[in-house]
Amino acid sequence: MHPADVLARIGGEIAGTQPSPAASVVLAPGLVALMLVADPRAWRVTRHVVTSAHEGSHGVAALLSGLIERGDIGPQAVKLAHSQAGDGLEDQRMEL
């Protein structure tokens, strides 16, 4: 295959459109998410899982973009502590 054909195909994949998903493909994950967020018992676990995944993605993005050159920054980089106001946790960043 000629390189120009490969680039044209990649460009088509990037800029192309897809057919709309079936309603069940959209509604099922939405209902699961609603159940996990609306139920206080489930939310106690869900919020930690969602936060961990979100913050972990920041670390992956930093590694991939070169902002972190070594993967061993260690647990001392960010420390969570109760805020002085007593209303939750605050992020205390430490110098590396």
C-alpha atoms as a PDB file:
ATOM      1  CA  MET A   1       0.000   0.000   0.000  1.00  0.00           C
ATOM      2  CA  HIS A   2       1.324   3.428  -0.924  1.00  0.00           C
ATOM      3  CA  PRO A   3       2.109   5.829   2.004  1.00  0.00           C
ATOM      4  CA  ALA A   4      -0.321   8.397   0.604  1.00  0.00           C
ATOM      5  CA  ASP A   5      -3.093   5.774   0.722  1.00  0.00           C
ATOM      6  CA  VAL A   6      -2.249   4.991   4.335  1.00  0.00           C
ATOM      7  CA  LEU A   7      -2.392   8.679   5.290  1.00  0.00           C
ATOM      8  CA  ALA A   8      -5.687   9.103   3.432  1.00  0.00           C
ATOM      9  CA  ARG A   9      -7.147   6.121   5.260  1.00  0.00           C
ATOM     10  CA  ILE A  10      -5.971   7.429   8.652  1.00  0.00           C
ATOM     11  CA  GLY A  11      -7.392  10.865   7.834  1.00  0.00           C
ATOM     12  CA  GLY A  12     -10.709   9.283   6.920  1.00  0.00           C
ATOM     13  CA  GLU A  13     -10.795   7.369  10.202  1.00  0.00           C
ATOM     14  CA  ILE A  14     -10.080  10.529  12.191  1.00  0.00           C
ATOM     15  CA  ALA A  15     -12.493  12.852  10.403  1.00  0.00           C
ATOM     16  CA  GLY A  16     -15.141  10.265   9.516  1.00  0.00           C
ATOM     17  CA  THR A  17     -18.446   9.765  11.257  1.00  0.00           C
ATOM     18  CA  GLN A  18     -19.954   6.707  12.855  1.00  0.00           C
ATOM     19  CA  PRO A  19     -23.559   5.592  12.935  1.00  0.00           C
ATOM     20  CA  SER A  20     -25.511   6.501  16.039  1.00  0.00           C
ATOM     21  CA  PRO A  21     -25.408   3.806  18.725  1.00  0.00           C
ATOM     22  CA  ALA A  22     -28.527   1.911  19.694  1.00  0.00           C
ATOM     23  CA  ALA A  23     -30.574   3.480  22.470  1.00  0.00           C
ATOM     24  CA  SER A  24     -29.762   0.583  24.816  1.00  0.00           C
ATOM     25  CA  VAL A  25     -26.013   1.238  24.392  1.00  0.00           C
ATOM     26  CA  VAL A  26     -26.564   4.792  25.612  1.00  0.00           C
ATOM     27  CA  LEU A  27     -29.232   4.176  28.250  1.00  0.00           C
ATOM     28  CA  ALA A  28     -27.710   1.144  30.026  1.00  0.00           C
ATOM     29  CA  PRO A  29     -24.456   2.841  31.144  1.00  0.00           C
ATOM     30  CA  GLY A  30     -26.434   5.965  32.018  1.00  0.00           C
ATOM     31  CA  LEU A  31     -28.760   4.000  34.283  1.00  0.00           C
ATOM     32  CA  VAL A  32     -25.856   2.200  35.951  1.00  0.00           C
ATOM     33  CA  ALA A  33     -24.115   5.544  36.544  1.00  0.00           C
ATOM     34  CA  LEU A  34     -27.313   7.041  37.965  1.00  0.00           C
ATOM     35  CA  MET A  35     -27.742   4.112  40.366  1.00  0.00           C
ATOM     36  CA  LEU A  36     -24.127   4.389  41.557  1.00  0.00           C
ATOM     37  CA  VAL A  37     -24.436   8.136  42.132  1.00  0.00           C
ATOM     38  CA  ALA A  38     -27.973   8.302  43.532  1.00  0.00           C
ATOM     39  CA  ASP A  39     -27.611   5.590  46.186  1.00  0.00           C
ATOM     40  CA  PRO A  40     -25.687   7.018  49.170  1.00  0.00           C
ATOM     41  CA  ARG A  41     -24.291   3.586  50.100  1.00  0.00           C
ATOM     42  CA  ALA A  42     -22.954   2.991  46.596  1.00  0.00           C
ATOM     43  CA  TRP A  43     -21.737   6.597  46.314  1.00  0.00           C
ATOM     44  CA  ARG A  44     -19.417   6.146  49.314  1.00  0.00           C
ATOM     45  CA  VAL A  45     -17.385   3.669  47.258  1.00  0.00           C
ATOM     46  CA  THR A  46     -18.063   5.072  43.784  1.00  0.00           C
ATOM     47  CA  ARG A  47     -16.689   8.529  44.577  1.00  0.00           C
ATOM     48  CA  HIS A  48     -13.345   7.041  45.618  1.00  0.00           C
ATOM     49  CA  VAL A  49     -13.120   4.865  42.513  1.00  0.00           C
ATOM     50  CA  VAL A  50     -13.997   7.788  40.227  1.00  0.00           C
ATOM     51  CA  THR A  51     -11.536  10.126  41.977  1.00  0.00           C
ATOM     52  CA  SER A  52      -8.745   7.539  41.843  1.00  0.00           C
ATOM     53  CA  ALA A  53      -9.307   6.931  38.137  1.00  0.00           C
ATOM     54  CA  HIS A  54      -9.454  10.680  37.448  1.00  0.00           C
ATOM     55  CA  GLU A  55      -6.284  11.498  39.369  1.00  0.00           C
ATOM     56  CA  GLY A  56      -4.508   8.464  37.939  1.00  0.00           C
ATOM     57  CA  SER A  57      -5.238   9.746  34.440  1.00  0.00           C
ATOM     58  CA  HIS A  58      -3.443  12.989  35.349  1.00  0.00           C
ATOM     59  CA  GLY A  59      -0.386  10.936  36.274  1.00  0.00           C
ATOM     60  CA  VAL A  60      -0.536   8.952  33.030  1.00  0.00           C
ATOM     61  CA  ALA A  61      -0.884  12.170  31.016  1.00  0.00           C
ATOM     62  CA  ALA A  62       2.113  13.662  32.846  1.00  0.00           C
ATOM     63  CA  LEU A  63       4.193  10.568  32.129  1.00  0.00           C
ATOM     64  CA  LEU A  64       3.212  10.472  28.458  1.00  0.00           C
ATOM     65  CA  SER A  65       3.821  14.197  27.956  1.00  0.00           C
ATOM     66  CA  GLY A  66       7.227  14.086  29.634  1.00  0.00           C
ATOM     67  CA  LEU A  67       6.280  16.238  32.639  1.00  0.00           C
ATOM     68  CA  ILE A  68       7.336  13.349  34.844  1.00  0.00           C
ATOM     69  CA  GLU A  69      10.597  11.881  33.608  1.00  0.00           C
ATOM     70  CA  ARG A  70      10.750   9.124  36.199  1.00  0.00           C
ATOM     71  CA  GLY A  71       7.901   6.954  37.346  1.00  0.00           C
ATOM     72  CA  ASP A  72       9.146   6.876  40.942  1.00  0.00           C
ATOM     73  CA  ILE A  73       7.967  10.242  42.316  1.00  0.00           C
ATOM     74  CA  GLY A  74       6.729   8.392  45.365  1.00  0.00           C
ATOM     75  CA  PRO A  75       3.807   8.913  47.721  1.00  0.00           C
ATOM     76  CA  GLN A  76       5.366  12.041  49.259  1.00  0.00           C
ATOM     77  CA  ALA A  77       4.514  14.155  46.185  1.00  0.00           C
ATOM     78  CA  VAL A  78       0.893  14.785  47.246  1.00  0.00           C
ATOM     79  CA  LYS A  79      -0.470  14.482  50.750  1.00  0.00           C
ATOM     80  CA  LEU A  80      -4.146  14.731  51.644  1.00  0.00           C
ATOM     81  CA  ALA A  81      -4.987  16.174  55.038  1.00  0.00           C
ATOM     82  CA  HIS A  82      -8.087  17.449  56.782  1.00  0.00           C
ATOM     83  CA  SER A  83      -8.611  21.137  56.097  1.00  0.00           C
ATOM     84  CA  GLN A  84      -8.518  23.610  58.962  1.00  0.00           C
ATOM     85  CA  ALA A  85     -12.160  24.466  58.318  1.00  0.00           C
ATOM     86  CA  GLY A  86     -13.073  20.843  59.025  1.00  0.00           C
ATOM     87  CA  ASP A  87     -15.189  20.590  55.890  1.00  0.00           C
ATOM     88  CA  GLY A  88     -13.136  18.045  53.995  1.00  0.00           C
ATOM     89  CA  LEU A  89      -9.685  17.337  52.681  1.00  0.00           C
ATOM     90  CA  GLU A  90      -7.170  19.734  51.241  1.00  0.00           C
ATOM     91  CA  ASP A  91      -4.344  19.000  48.845  1.00  0.00           C
ATOM     92  CA  GLN A  92      -0.921  19.808  50.305  1.00  0.00           C
ATOM     93  CA  ARG A  93       1.670  19.645  47.548  1.00  0.00           C
ATOM     94  CA  MET A  94       5.234  19.130  48.664  1.00  0.00           C
ATOM     95  CA  GLU A  95       8.445  20.074  46.904  1.00  0.00           C
ATOM     96  CA  LEU A  96      10.097  17.140  45.147  1.00  0.00           C
END
